[in-house]
Amino acid sequence: MSVNAASLAGSVPDPECRWSWSDVDLDRSMLCKLRERGFIVKVEEQEWRATGELIREICNYGGISEGEVAEHVCGSCPGCIQQRIEARRERRERREREDGSRVGPGESEQAELPGVED
């Protein structure tokens, strides 16, 4: 498990997520091994869920923090929804900075006047 822990980190869906095998960036043989060991379980037809035990094992064997192990992939669990909200906010803030349409917190607005140089 320790050899695979680093390769699994960031590729394993969060236990809150329900997903199909095509949703994750793991090859079929790895998914079969995880299933055989009970680290992923079938929830419904074509839907799977990673177990908390899988996350703990990756953390223990790989020396990886829990926040670095799992990713949200389903799009409908609370973690995925929060991830989408944060991504939308970051895109909006970046667009506003690039467009100059709004000034973010802690930033100052500088007006450029035509023909005036520093």
PDB file of N, CA and C in Angstrom:
ATOM      1  N   MET A   1       0.826  -1.203   0.000  1.00  0.00           N
ATOM      2  CA  MET A   1       0.000   0.000   0.000  1.00  0.00           C
ATOM      3  C   MET A   1       0.863   1.258   0.000  1.00  0.00           C
ATOM      4  N   SER A   2       2.023   1.229   0.683  1.00  0.00           N
ATOM      5  CA  SER A   2       2.841   2.436   0.770  1.00  0.00           C
ATOM      6  C   SER A   2       3.347   2.884  -0.585  1.00  0.00           C
ATOM      7  N   VAL A   3       3.629   1.949  -1.482  1.00  0.00           N
ATOM      8  CA  VAL A   3       4.093   2.306  -2.817  1.00  0.00           C
ATOM      9  C   VAL A   3       3.005   3.031  -3.576  1.00  0.00           C
ATOM     10  N   ASN A   4       1.768   2.580  -3.419  1.00  0.00           N
ATOM     11  CA  ASN A   4       0.654   3.156  -4.155  1.00  0.00           C
ATOM     12  C   ASN A   4       0.033   4.365  -3.473  1.00  0.00           C
ATOM     13  N   ALA A   5       0.365   4.602  -2.216  1.00  0.00           N
ATOM     14  CA  ALA A   5      -0.278   5.691  -1.477  1.00  0.00           C
ATOM     15  C   ALA A   5      -0.093   7.028  -2.165  1.00  0.00           C
ATOM     16  N   ALA A   6       1.122   7.318  -2.588  1.00  0.00           N
ATOM     17  CA  ALA A   6       1.384   8.610  -3.240  1.00  0.00           C
ATOM     18  C   ALA A   6       0.647   8.712  -4.571  1.00  0.00           C
ATOM     19  N   SER A   7       0.570   7.611  -5.305  1.00  0.00           N
ATOM     20  CA  SER A   7      -0.126   7.659  -6.595  1.00  0.00           C
ATOM     21  C   SER A   7      -1.634   7.755  -6.421  1.00  0.00           C
ATOM     22  N   LEU A   8      -2.147   7.260  -5.298  1.00  0.00           N
ATOM     23  CA  LEU A   8      -3.582   7.342  -5.042  1.00  0.00           C
ATOM     24  C   LEU A   8      -3.999   8.719  -4.534  1.00  0.00           C
ATOM     25  N   ALA A   9      -3.095   9.400  -3.842  1.00  0.00           N
ATOM     26  CA  ALA A   9      -3.420  10.715  -3.282  1.00  0.00           C
ATOM     27  C   ALA A   9      -3.811  11.670  -4.393  1.00  0.00           C
ATOM     28  N   GLY A  10      -4.925  12.328  -4.228  1.00  0.00           N
ATOM     29  CA  GLY A  10      -5.418  13.272  -5.218  1.00  0.00           C
ATOM     30  C   GLY A  10      -6.252  12.642  -6.306  1.00  0.00           C
ATOM     31  N   SER A  11      -6.249  11.301  -6.373  1.00  0.00           N
ATOM     32  CA  SER A  11      -7.031  10.603  -7.389  1.00  0.00           C
ATOM     33  C   SER A  11      -8.227   9.873  -6.803  1.00  0.00           C
ATOM     34  N   VAL A  12      -8.263   9.757  -5.500  1.00  0.00           N
ATOM     35  CA  VAL A  12      -9.333   9.026  -4.831  1.00  0.00           C
ATOM     36  C   VAL A  12     -10.489   9.970  -4.538  1.00  0.00           C
ATOM     37  N   PRO A  13     -11.701   9.592  -4.918  1.00  0.00           N
ATOM     38  CA  PRO A  13     -12.856  10.433  -4.608  1.00  0.00           C
ATOM     39  C   PRO A  13     -13.107  10.515  -3.108  1.00  0.00           C
ATOM     40  N   ASP A  14     -13.584  11.639  -2.667  1.00  0.00           N
ATOM     41  CA  ASP A  14     -13.960  11.835  -1.283  1.00  0.00           C
ATOM     42  C   ASP A  14     -15.060  10.843  -0.919  1.00  0.00           C
ATOM     43  N   PRO A  15     -15.055  10.307   0.311  1.00  0.00           N
ATOM     44  CA  PRO A  15     -16.094   9.360   0.701  1.00  0.00           C
ATOM     45  C   PRO A  15     -17.528   9.903   0.619  1.00  0.00           C
ATOM     46  N   GLU A  16     -17.702  11.225   0.603  1.00  0.00           N
ATOM     47  CA  GLU A  16     -19.047  11.793   0.441  1.00  0.00           C
ATOM     48  C   GLU A  16     -19.573  11.603  -0.980  1.00  0.00           C
ATOM     49  N   CYS A  17     -18.676  11.451  -1.944  1.00  0.00           N
ATOM     50  CA  CYS A  17     -19.049  11.412  -3.359  1.00  0.00           C
ATOM     51  C   CYS A  17     -19.497  10.028  -3.805  1.00  0.00           C
ATOM     52  N   ARG A  18     -20.460  10.032  -4.698  1.00  0.00           N
ATOM     53  CA  ARG A  18     -20.839   8.832  -5.432  1.00  0.00           C
ATOM     54  C   ARG A  18     -20.359   9.035  -6.852  1.00  0.00           C
ATOM     55  N   TRP A  19     -19.755   8.009  -7.442  1.00  0.00           N
ATOM     56  CA  TRP A  19     -19.115   8.173  -8.736  1.00  0.00           C
ATOM     57  C   TRP A  19     -19.124   6.869  -9.512  1.00  0.00           C
ATOM     58  N   SER A  20     -18.886   6.994 -10.800  1.00  0.00           N
ATOM     59  CA  SER A  20     -18.711   5.804 -11.631  1.00  0.00           C
ATOM     60  C   SER A  20     -17.225   5.670 -11.931  1.00  0.00           C
ATOM     61  N   TRP A  21     -16.811   4.517 -12.360  1.00  0.00           N
ATOM     62  CA  TRP A  21     -15.389   4.274 -12.596  1.00  0.00           C
ATOM     63  C   TRP A  21     -14.818   5.229 -13.633  1.00  0.00           C
ATOM     64  N   SER A  22     -15.622   5.657 -14.578  1.00  0.00           N
ATOM     65  CA  SER A  22     -15.119   6.561 -15.614  1.00  0.00           C
ATOM     66  C   SER A  22     -14.911   7.992 -15.089  1.00  0.00           C
ATOM     67  N   ASP A  23     -15.431   8.290 -13.903  1.00  0.00           N
ATOM     68  CA  ASP A  23     -15.287   9.629 -13.321  1.00  0.00           C
ATOM     69  C   ASP A  23     -13.932   9.861 -12.661  1.00  0.00           C
ATOM     70  N   VAL A  24     -13.201   8.787 -12.376  1.00  0.00           N
ATOM     71  CA  VAL A  24     -11.964   8.923 -11.606  1.00  0.00           C
ATOM     72  C   VAL A  24     -10.746   8.630 -12.467  1.00  0.00           C
ATOM     73  N   ASP A  25      -9.630   9.171 -12.044  1.00  0.00           N
ATOM     74  CA  ASP A  25      -8.378   9.023 -12.783  1.00  0.00           C
ATOM     75  C   ASP A  25      -7.561   7.854 -12.227  1.00  0.00           C
ATOM     76  N   LEU A  26      -8.196   6.686 -12.126  1.00  0.00           N
ATOM     77  CA  LEU A  26      -7.525   5.461 -11.696  1.00  0.00           C
ATOM     78  C   LEU A  26      -7.801   4.400 -12.742  1.00  0.00           C
ATOM     79  N   ASP A  27      -6.793   3.555 -13.004  1.00  0.00           N
ATOM     80  CA  ASP A  27      -7.028   2.523 -14.013  1.00  0.00           C
ATOM     81  C   ASP A  27      -7.890   1.396 -13.444  1.00  0.00           C
ATOM     82  N   ARG A  28      -8.440   0.622 -14.349  1.00  0.00           N
ATOM     83  CA  ARG A  28      -9.388  -0.433 -13.987  1.00  0.00           C
ATOM     84  C   ARG A  28      -8.787  -1.457 -13.019  1.00  0.00           C
ATOM     85  N   SER A  29      -7.525  -1.816 -13.239  1.00  0.00           N
ATOM     86  CA  SER A  29      -6.908  -2.812 -12.351  1.00  0.00           C
ATOM     87  C   SER A  29      -6.806  -2.295 -10.914  1.00  0.00           C
ATOM     88  N   MET A  30      -6.488  -1.004 -10.744  1.00  0.00           N
ATOM     89  CA  MET A  30      -6.421  -0.422  -9.404  1.00  0.00           C
ATOM     90  C   MET A  30      -7.807  -0.396  -8.766  1.00  0.00           C
ATOM     91  N   LEU A  31      -8.814  -0.025  -9.546  1.00  0.00           N
ATOM     92  CA  LEU A  31     -10.178  -0.003  -9.021  1.00  0.00           C
ATOM     93  C   LEU A  31     -10.615  -1.409  -8.595  1.00  0.00           C
ATOM     94  N   CYS A  32     -10.242  -2.417  -9.364  1.00  0.00           N
ATOM     95  CA  CYS A  32     -10.582  -3.804  -9.005  1.00  0.00           C
ATOM     96  C   CYS A  32      -9.909  -4.204  -7.693  1.00  0.00           C
ATOM     97  N   LYS A  33      -8.635  -3.828  -7.523  1.00  0.00           N
ATOM     98  CA  LYS A  33      -7.923  -4.129  -6.276  1.00  0.00           C
ATOM     99  C   LYS A  33      -8.586  -3.441  -5.090  1.00  0.00           C
ATOM    100  N   LEU A  34      -8.955  -2.184  -5.274  1.00  0.00           N
ATOM    101  CA  LEU A  34      -9.610  -1.441  -4.188  1.00  0.00           C
ATOM    102  C   LEU A  34     -10.959  -2.069  -3.839  1.00  0.00           C
ATOM    103  N   ARG A  35     -11.688  -2.504  -4.857  1.00  0.00           N
ATOM    104  CA  ARG A  35     -12.981  -3.153  -4.635  1.00  0.00           C
ATOM    105  C   ARG A  35     -12.802  -4.473  -3.875  1.00  0.00           C
ATOM    106  N   GLU A  36     -11.827  -5.289  -4.307  1.00  0.00           N
ATOM    107  CA  GLU A  36     -11.574  -6.583  -3.667  1.00  0.00           C
ATOM    108  C   GLU A  36     -11.204  -6.433  -2.200  1.00  0.00           C
ATOM    109  N   ARG A  37     -10.514  -5.354  -1.868  1.00  0.00           N
ATOM    110  CA  ARG A  37     -10.098  -5.127  -0.477  1.00  0.00           C
ATOM    111  C   ARG A  37     -11.156  -4.390   0.339  1.00  0.00           C
ATOM    112  N   GLY A  38     -12.267  -4.042  -0.286  1.00  0.00           N
ATOM    113  CA  GLY A  38     -13.340  -3.361   0.430  1.00  0.00           C
ATOM    114  C   GLY A  38     -13.106  -1.883   0.631  1.00  0.00           C
ATOM    115  N   PHE A  39     -12.147  -1.306  -0.107  1.00  0.00           N
ATOM    116  CA  PHE A  39     -11.851   0.116   0.027  1.00  0.00           C
ATOM    117  C   PHE A  39     -12.805   0.992  -0.774  1.00  0.00           C
ATOM    118  N   ILE A  40     -13.448   0.414  -1.780  1.00  0.00           N
ATOM    119  CA  ILE A  40     -14.541   1.096  -2.473  1.00  0.00           C
ATOM    120  C   ILE A  40     -15.733   0.154  -2.459  1.00  0.00           C
ATOM    121  N   VAL A  41     -16.913   0.714  -2.309  1.00  0.00           N
ATOM    122  CA  VAL A  41     -18.123  -0.103  -2.219  1.00  0.00           C
ATOM    123  C   VAL A  41     -19.173   0.401  -3.205  1.00  0.00           C
ATOM    124  N   LYS A  42     -19.934  -0.533  -3.724  1.00  0.00           N
ATOM    125  CA  LYS A  42     -21.000  -0.189  -4.659  1.00  0.00           C
ATOM    126  C   LYS A  42     -22.188   0.327  -3.865  1.00  0.00           C
ATOM    127  N   VAL A  43     -22.717   1.467  -4.252  1.00  0.00           N
ATOM    128  CA  VAL A  43     -23.849   2.072  -3.556  1.00  0.00           C
ATOM    129  C   VAL A  43     -25.137   1.800  -4.325  1.00  0.00           C
ATOM    130  N   GLU A  44     -25.088   2.001  -5.610  1.00  0.00           N
ATOM    131  CA  GLU A  44     -26.214   1.737  -6.503  1.00  0.00           C
ATOM    132  C   GLU A  44     -25.646   1.214  -7.809  1.00  0.00           C
ATOM    133  N   GLU A  45     -26.521   0.893  -8.738  1.00  0.00           N
ATOM    134  CA  GLU A  45     -26.061   0.444 -10.050  1.00  0.00           C
ATOM    135  C   GLU A  45     -25.142   1.505 -10.664  1.00  0.00           C
ATOM    136  N   GLN A  46     -23.924   1.131 -10.977  1.00  0.00           N
ATOM    137  CA  GLN A  46     -22.927   2.006 -11.595  1.00  0.00           C
ATOM    138  C   GLN A  46     -22.469   3.155 -10.697  1.00  0.00           C
ATOM    139  N   GLU A  47     -22.772   3.128  -9.411  1.00  0.00           N
ATOM    140  CA  GLU A  47     -22.314   4.167  -8.484  1.00  0.00           C
ATOM    141  C   GLU A  47     -21.499   3.535  -7.367  1.00  0.00           C
ATOM    142  N   TRP A  48     -20.374   4.158  -7.072  1.00  0.00           N
ATOM    143  CA  TRP A  48     -19.441   3.665  -6.073  1.00  0.00           C
ATOM    144  C   TRP A  48     -19.129   4.763  -5.070  1.00  0.00           C
ATOM    145  N   ARG A  49     -18.544   4.346  -3.952  1.00  0.00           N
ATOM    146  CA  ARG A  49     -18.131   5.280  -2.908  1.00  0.00           C
ATOM    147  C   ARG A  49     -16.848   4.751  -2.282  1.00  0.00           C
ATOM    148  N   ALA A  50     -15.886   5.632  -2.085  1.00  0.00           N
ATOM    149  CA  ALA A  50     -14.658   5.268  -1.370  1.00  0.00           C
ATOM    150  C   ALA A  50     -14.983   5.213   0.116  1.00  0.00           C
ATOM    151  N   THR A  51     -14.323   4.349   0.836  1.00  0.00           N
ATOM    152  CA  THR A  51     -14.565   4.246   2.270  1.00  0.00           C
ATOM    153  C   THR A  51     -13.613   5.161   3.035  1.00  0.00           C
ATOM    154  N   GLY A  52     -14.015   5.510   4.229  1.00  0.00           N
ATOM    155  CA  GLY A  52     -13.137   6.288   5.098  1.00  0.00           C
ATOM    156  C   GLY A  52     -11.876   5.511   5.427  1.00  0.00           C
ATOM    157  N   GLU A  53     -11.988   4.176   5.456  1.00  0.00           N
ATOM    158  CA  GLU A  53     -10.824   3.331   5.724  1.00  0.00           C
ATOM    159  C   GLU A  53      -9.759   3.510   4.636  1.00  0.00           C
ATOM    160  N   LEU A  54     -10.179   3.638   3.390  1.00  0.00           N
ATOM    161  CA  LEU A  54      -9.228   3.866   2.297  1.00  0.00           C
ATOM    162  C   LEU A  54      -8.466   5.170   2.521  1.00  0.00           C
ATOM    163  N   ILE A  55      -9.182   6.212   2.872  1.00  0.00           N
ATOM    164  CA  ILE A  55      -8.540   7.512   3.106  1.00  0.00           C
ATOM    165  C   ILE A  55      -7.544   7.407   4.255  1.00  0.00           C
ATOM    166  N   ARG A  56      -7.944   6.761   5.345  1.00  0.00           N
ATOM    167  CA  ARG A  56      -7.043   6.595   6.503  1.00  0.00           C
ATOM    168  C   ARG A  56      -5.800   5.789   6.128  1.00  0.00           C
ATOM    169  N   GLU A  57      -5.972   4.728   5.355  1.00  0.00           N
ATOM    170  CA  GLU A  57      -4.840   3.896   4.947  1.00  0.00           C
ATOM    171  C   GLU A  57      -3.860   4.689   4.087  1.00  0.00           C
ATOM    172  N   ILE A  58      -4.370   5.464   3.162  1.00  0.00           N
ATOM    173  CA  ILE A  58      -3.488   6.281   2.316  1.00  0.00           C
ATOM    174  C   ILE A  58      -2.721   7.272   3.184  1.00  0.00           C
ATOM    175  N   CYS A  59      -3.411   7.901   4.134  1.00  0.00           N
ATOM    176  CA  CYS A  59      -2.753   8.858   5.034  1.00  0.00           C
ATOM    177  C   CYS A  59      -1.679   8.161   5.874  1.00  0.00           C
ATOM    178  N   ASN A  60      -2.024   7.010   6.439  1.00  0.00           N
ATOM    179  CA  ASN A  60      -1.087   6.295   7.312  1.00  0.00           C
ATOM    180  C   ASN A  60       0.134   5.785   6.557  1.00  0.00           C
ATOM    181  N   TYR A  61      -0.081   5.116   5.446  1.00  0.00           N
ATOM    182  CA  TYR A  61       1.032   4.520   4.715  1.00  0.00           C
ATOM    183  C   TYR A  61       1.834   5.537   3.921  1.00  0.00           C
ATOM    184  N   GLY A  62       1.180   6.552   3.437  1.00  0.00           N
ATOM    185  CA  GLY A  62       1.885   7.524   2.602  1.00  0.00           C
ATOM    186  C   GLY A  62       2.372   8.741   3.348  1.00  0.00           C
ATOM    187  N   GLY A  63       1.989   8.878   4.610  1.00  0.00           N
ATOM    188  CA  GLY A  63       2.375  10.060   5.367  1.00  0.00           C
ATOM    189  C   GLY A  63       1.804  11.330   4.754  1.00  0.00           C
ATOM    190  N   ILE A  64       0.570  11.224   4.283  1.00  0.00           N
ATOM    191  CA  ILE A  64      -0.073  12.319   3.560  1.00  0.00           C
ATOM    192  C   ILE A  64      -1.230  12.835   4.410  1.00  0.00           C
ATOM    193  N   SER A  65      -1.435  14.154   4.442  1.00  0.00           N
ATOM    194  CA  SER A  65      -2.542  14.700   5.215  1.00  0.00           C
ATOM    195  C   SER A  65      -3.858  14.392   4.510  1.00  0.00           C
ATOM    196  N   GLU A  66      -4.918  14.280   5.286  1.00  0.00           N
ATOM    197  CA  GLU A  66      -6.223  13.903   4.752  1.00  0.00           C
ATOM    198  C   GLU A  66      -6.724  14.867   3.684  1.00  0.00           C
ATOM    199  N   GLY A  67      -6.424  16.137   3.826  1.00  0.00           N
ATOM    200  CA  GLY A  67      -6.859  17.130   2.853  1.00  0.00           C
ATOM    201  C   GLY A  67      -6.227  16.967   1.475  1.00  0.00           C
ATOM    202  N   GLU A  68      -5.104  16.266   1.408  1.00  0.00           N
ATOM    203  CA  GLU A  68      -4.415  16.065   0.134  1.00  0.00           C
ATOM    204  C   GLU A  68      -4.818  14.762  -0.551  1.00  0.00           C
ATOM    205  N   VAL A  69      -5.582  13.920   0.123  1.00  0.00           N
ATOM    206  CA  VAL A  69      -5.856  12.584  -0.386  1.00  0.00           C
ATOM    207  C   VAL A  69      -7.047  12.555  -1.324  1.00  0.00           C
ATOM    208  N   ALA A  70      -8.183  13.001  -0.858  1.00  0.00           N
ATOM    209  CA  ALA A  70      -9.426  12.819  -1.610  1.00  0.00           C
ATOM    210  C   ALA A  70      -9.779  14.056  -2.424  1.00  0.00           C
ATOM    211  N   GLU A  71     -10.480  13.826  -3.519  1.00  0.00           N
ATOM    212  CA  GLU A  71     -10.989  14.925  -4.331  1.00  0.00           C
ATOM    213  C   GLU A  71     -12.482  14.729  -4.527  1.00  0.00           C
ATOM    214  N   HIS A  72     -13.185  15.825  -4.694  1.00  0.00           N
ATOM    215  CA  HIS A  72     -14.624  15.766  -4.916  1.00  0.00           C
ATOM    216  C   HIS A  72     -14.884  15.625  -6.412  1.00  0.00           C
ATOM    217  N   VAL A  73     -15.647  14.609  -6.781  1.00  0.00           N
ATOM    218  CA  VAL A  73     -15.868  14.339  -8.201  1.00  0.00           C
ATOM    219  C   VAL A  73     -17.337  14.215  -8.596  1.00  0.00           C
ATOM    220  N   CYS A  74     -18.231  14.071  -7.619  1.00  0.00           N
ATOM    221  CA  CYS A  74     -19.617  13.748  -7.980  1.00  0.00           C
ATOM    222  C   CYS A  74     -20.424  14.966  -8.404  1.00  0.00           C
ATOM    223  N   GLY A  75     -20.104  16.109  -7.840  1.00  0.00           N
ATOM    224  CA  GLY A  75     -20.829  17.320  -8.194  1.00  0.00           C
ATOM    225  C   GLY A  75     -22.063  17.598  -7.363  1.00  0.00           C
ATOM    226  N   SER A  76     -22.462  16.668  -6.498  1.00  0.00           N
ATOM    227  CA  SER A  76     -23.700  16.889  -5.763  1.00  0.00           C
ATOM    228  C   SER A  76     -23.567  16.773  -4.245  1.00  0.00           C
ATOM    229  N   CYS A  77     -22.443  16.283  -3.724  1.00  0.00           N
ATOM    230  CA  CYS A  77     -22.298  16.201  -2.273  1.00  0.00           C
ATOM    231  C   CYS A  77     -21.931  17.588  -1.729  1.00  0.00           C
ATOM    232  N   PRO A  78     -22.037  17.809  -0.429  1.00  0.00           N
ATOM    233  CA  PRO A  78     -21.717  19.126   0.137  1.00  0.00           C
ATOM    234  C   PRO A  78     -20.309  19.614  -0.214  1.00  0.00           C
ATOM    235  N   GLY A  79     -19.331  18.720  -0.220  1.00  0.00           N
ATOM    236  CA  GLY A  79     -17.967  19.112  -0.559  1.00  0.00           C
ATOM    237  C   GLY A  79     -17.836  19.570  -2.000  1.00  0.00           C
ATOM    238  N   CYS A  80     -18.514  18.875  -2.899  1.00  0.00           N
ATOM    239  CA  CYS A  80     -18.471  19.261  -4.318  1.00  0.00           C
ATOM    240  C   CYS A  80     -19.152  20.603  -4.534  1.00  0.00           C
ATOM    241  N   ILE A  81     -20.266  20.809  -3.869  1.00  0.00           N
ATOM    242  CA  ILE A  81     -20.994  22.068  -4.000  1.00  0.00           C
ATOM    243  C   ILE A  81     -20.124  23.216  -3.499  1.00  0.00           C
ATOM    244  N   GLN A  82     -19.474  23.020  -2.359  1.00  0.00           N
ATOM    245  CA  GLN A  82     -18.590  24.055  -1.814  1.00  0.00           C
ATOM    246  C   GLN A  82     -17.426  24.314  -2.767  1.00  0.00           C
ATOM    247  N   GLN A  83     -16.888  23.256  -3.344  1.00  0.00           N
ATOM    248  CA  GLN A  83     -15.790  23.392  -4.297  1.00  0.00           C
ATOM    249  C   GLN A  83     -16.216  24.217  -5.507  1.00  0.00           C
ATOM    250  N   ARG A  84     -17.423  23.969  -6.023  1.00  0.00           N
ATOM    251  CA  ARG A  84     -17.930  24.740  -7.157  1.00  0.00           C
ATOM    252  C   ARG A  84     -18.136  26.190  -6.791  1.00  0.00           C
ATOM    253  N   ILE A  85     -18.667  26.446  -5.600  1.00  0.00           N
ATOM    254  CA  ILE A  85     -18.899  27.821  -5.146  1.00  0.00           C
ATOM    255  C   ILE A  85     -17.572  28.566  -5.065  1.00  0.00           C
ATOM    256  N   GLU A  86     -16.549  27.928  -4.473  1.00  0.00           N
ATOM    257  CA  GLU A  86     -15.245  28.568  -4.343  1.00  0.00           C
ATOM    258  C   GLU A  86     -14.613  28.819  -5.706  1.00  0.00           C
ATOM    259  N   ALA A  87     -14.729  27.853  -6.613  1.00  0.00           N
ATOM    260  CA  ALA A  87     -14.160  28.023  -7.953  1.00  0.00           C
ATOM    261  C   ALA A  87     -14.844  29.173  -8.691  1.00  0.00           C
ATOM    262  N   ARG A  88     -16.174  29.255  -8.569  1.00  0.00           N
ATOM    263  CA  ARG A  88     -16.911  30.349  -9.202  1.00  0.00           C
ATOM    264  C   ARG A  88     -16.479  31.693  -8.641  1.00  0.00           C
ATOM    265  N   ARG A  89     -16.327  31.765  -7.310  1.00  0.00           N
ATOM    266  CA  ARG A  89     -15.909  33.010  -6.664  1.00  0.00           C
ATOM    267  C   ARG A  89     -14.514  33.413  -7.132  1.00  0.00           C
ATOM    268  N   GLU A  90     -13.595  32.452  -7.203  1.00  0.00           N
ATOM    269  CA  GLU A  90     -12.234  32.747  -7.652  1.00  0.00           C
ATOM    270  C   GLU A  90     -12.218  33.228  -9.096  1.00  0.00           C
ATOM    271  N   ARG A  91     -13.010  32.598  -9.965  1.00  0.00           N
ATOM    272  CA  ARG A  91     -13.073  33.042 -11.365  1.00  0.00           C
ATOM    273  C   ARG A  91     -13.626  34.458 -11.462  1.00  0.00           C
ATOM    274  N   ARG A  92     -14.682  34.749 -10.681  1.00  0.00           N
ATOM    275  CA  ARG A  92     -15.282  36.087 -10.705  1.00  0.00           C
ATOM    276  C   ARG A  92     -14.281  37.131 -10.223  1.00  0.00           C
ATOM    277  N   GLU A  93     -13.588  36.834  -9.127  1.00  0.00           N
ATOM    278  CA  GLU A  93     -12.613  37.782  -8.595  1.00  0.00           C
ATOM    279  C   GLU A  93     -11.466  38.009  -9.571  1.00  0.00           C
ATOM    280  N   ARG A  94     -10.996  36.938 -10.210  1.00  0.00           N
ATOM    281  CA  ARG A  94      -9.918  37.070 -11.193  1.00  0.00           C
ATOM    282  C   ARG A  94     -10.368  37.902 -12.387  1.00  0.00           C
ATOM    283  N   ARG A  95     -11.590  37.640 -12.863  1.00  0.00           N
ATOM    284  CA  ARG A  95     -12.136  38.392 -13.998  1.00  0.00           C
ATOM    285  C   ARG A  95     -12.285  39.861 -13.637  1.00  0.00           C
ATOM    286  N   GLU A  96     -12.763  40.139 -12.436  1.00  0.00           N
ATOM    287  CA  GLU A  96     -12.935  41.526 -12.008  1.00  0.00           C
ATOM    288  C   GLU A  96     -11.593  42.239 -11.904  1.00  0.00           C
ATOM    289  N   ARG A  97     -10.564  41.544 -11.434  1.00  0.00           N
ATOM    290  CA  ARG A  97      -9.231  42.160 -11.351  1.00  0.00           C
ATOM    291  C   ARG A  97      -8.687  42.435 -12.743  1.00  0.00           C
ATOM    292  N   GLU A  98      -8.861  41.467 -13.648  1.00  0.00           N
ATOM    293  CA  GLU A  98      -8.345  41.635 -15.008  1.00  0.00           C
ATOM    294  C   GLU A  98      -9.098  42.722 -15.764  1.00  0.00           C
ATOM    295  N   ASP A  99     -10.411  42.778 -15.582  1.00  0.00           N
ATOM    296  CA  ASP A  99     -11.223  43.774 -16.265  1.00  0.00           C
ATOM    297  C   ASP A  99     -11.143  45.137 -15.596  1.00  0.00           C
ATOM    298  N   GLY A 100     -10.762  45.138 -14.335  1.00  0.00           N
ATOM    299  CA  GLY A 100     -10.743  46.382 -13.589  1.00  0.00           C
ATOM    300  C   GLY A 100     -12.133  46.880 -13.257  1.00  0.00           C
ATOM    301  N   SER A 101     -13.120  45.985 -13.394  1.00  0.00           N
ATOM    302  CA  SER A 101     -14.496  46.410 -13.182  1.00  0.00           C
ATOM    303  C   SER A 101     -14.826  46.604 -11.703  1.00  0.00           C
ATOM    304  N   ARG A 102     -14.132  45.893 -10.833  1.00  0.00           N
ATOM    305  CA  ARG A 102     -14.331  46.064  -9.399  1.00  0.00           C
ATOM    306  C   ARG A 102     -12.998  45.910  -8.717  1.00  0.00           C
ATOM    307  N   VAL A 103     -12.843  46.546  -7.619  1.00  0.00           N
ATOM    308  CA  VAL A 103     -11.611  46.443  -6.852  1.00  0.00           C
ATOM    309  C   VAL A 103     -11.894  45.515  -5.682  1.00  0.00           C
ATOM    310  N   GLY A 104     -11.025  44.515  -5.519  1.00  0.00           N
ATOM    311  CA  GLY A 104     -11.200  43.553  -4.432  1.00  0.00           C
ATOM    312  C   GLY A 104     -10.753  44.120  -3.107  1.00  0.00           C
ATOM    313  N   PRO A 105     -11.060  43.425  -2.022  1.00  0.00           N
ATOM    314  CA  PRO A 105     -10.650  43.879  -0.692  1.00  0.00           C
ATOM    315  C   PRO A 105      -9.135  44.006  -0.599  1.00  0.00           C
ATOM    316  N   GLY A 106      -8.672  45.082  -0.030  1.00  0.00           N
ATOM    317  CA  GLY A 106      -7.246  45.304   0.149  1.00  0.00           C
ATOM    318  C   GLY A 106      -6.532  45.862  -1.067  1.00  0.00           C
ATOM    319  N   GLU A 107      -7.253  46.062  -2.146  1.00  0.00           N
ATOM    320  CA  GLU A 107      -6.639  46.615  -3.349  1.00  0.00           C
ATOM    321  C   GLU A 107      -7.048  48.079  -3.464  1.00  0.00           C
ATOM    322  N   SER A 108      -6.183  48.866  -4.051  1.00  0.00           N
ATOM    323  CA  SER A 108      -6.540  50.268  -4.254  1.00  0.00           C
ATOM    324  C   SER A 108      -6.789  50.497  -5.736  1.00  0.00           C
ATOM    325  N   GLU A 109      -7.661  51.408  -5.997  1.00  0.00           N
ATOM    326  CA  GLU A 109      -8.015  51.713  -7.381  1.00  0.00           C
ATOM    327  C   GLU A 109      -7.147  52.854  -7.865  1.00  0.00           C
ATOM    328  N   GLN A 110      -6.543  52.652  -9.054  1.00  0.00           N
ATOM    329  CA  GLN A 110      -5.729  53.698  -9.656  1.00  0.00           C
ATOM    330  C   GLN A 110      -6.357  54.072 -10.982  1.00  0.00           C
ATOM    331  N   ALA A 111      -6.627  55.336 -11.128  1.00  0.00           N
ATOM    332  CA  ALA A 111      -7.196  55.805 -12.392  1.00  0.00           C
ATOM    333  C   ALA A 111      -6.063  56.275 -13.288  1.00  0.00           C
ATOM    334  N   GLU A 112      -6.115  55.901 -14.523  1.00  0.00           N
ATOM    335  CA  GLU A 112      -5.123  56.356 -15.493  1.00  0.00           C
ATOM    336  C   GLU A 112      -5.777  57.421 -16.365  1.00  0.00           C
ATOM    337  N   LEU A 113      -5.163  58.558 -16.424  1.00  0.00           N
ATOM    338  CA  LEU A 113      -5.684  59.635 -17.243  1.00  0.00           C
ATOM    339  C   LEU A 113      -4.904  59.669 -18.549  1.00  0.00           C
ATOM    340  N   PRO A 114      -5.600  59.816 -19.669  1.00  0.00           N
ATOM    341  CA  PRO A 114      -4.899  59.872 -20.944  1.00  0.00           C
ATOM    342  C   PRO A 114      -3.953  61.056 -20.995  1.00  0.00           C
ATOM    343  N   GLY A 115      -2.748  60.797 -21.502  1.00  0.00           N
ATOM    344  CA  GLY A 115      -1.770  61.851 -21.662  1.00  0.00           C
ATOM    345  C   GLY A 115      -1.012  62.205 -20.388  1.00  0.00           C
ATOM    346  N   VAL A 116      -1.281  61.587 -19.283  1.00  0.00           N
ATOM    347  CA  VAL A 116      -0.573  61.878 -18.039  1.00  0.00           C
ATOM    348  C   VAL A 116       0.369  60.713 -17.746  1.00  0.00           C
ATOM    349  N   GLU A 117       1.662  61.028 -17.627  1.00  0.00           N
ATOM    350  CA  GLU A 117       2.651  59.995 -17.342  1.00  0.00           C
ATOM    351  C   GLU A 117       3.255  60.244 -15.989  1.00  0.00           C
ATOM    352  N   ASP A 118       3.752  59.171 -15.368  1.00  0.00           N
ATOM    353  CA  ASP A 118       4.423  59.299 -14.070  1.00  0.00           C
ATOM    354  C   ASP A 118       5.757  59.927 -14.198  1.00  0.00           C
TER     355      ASP A 118
END
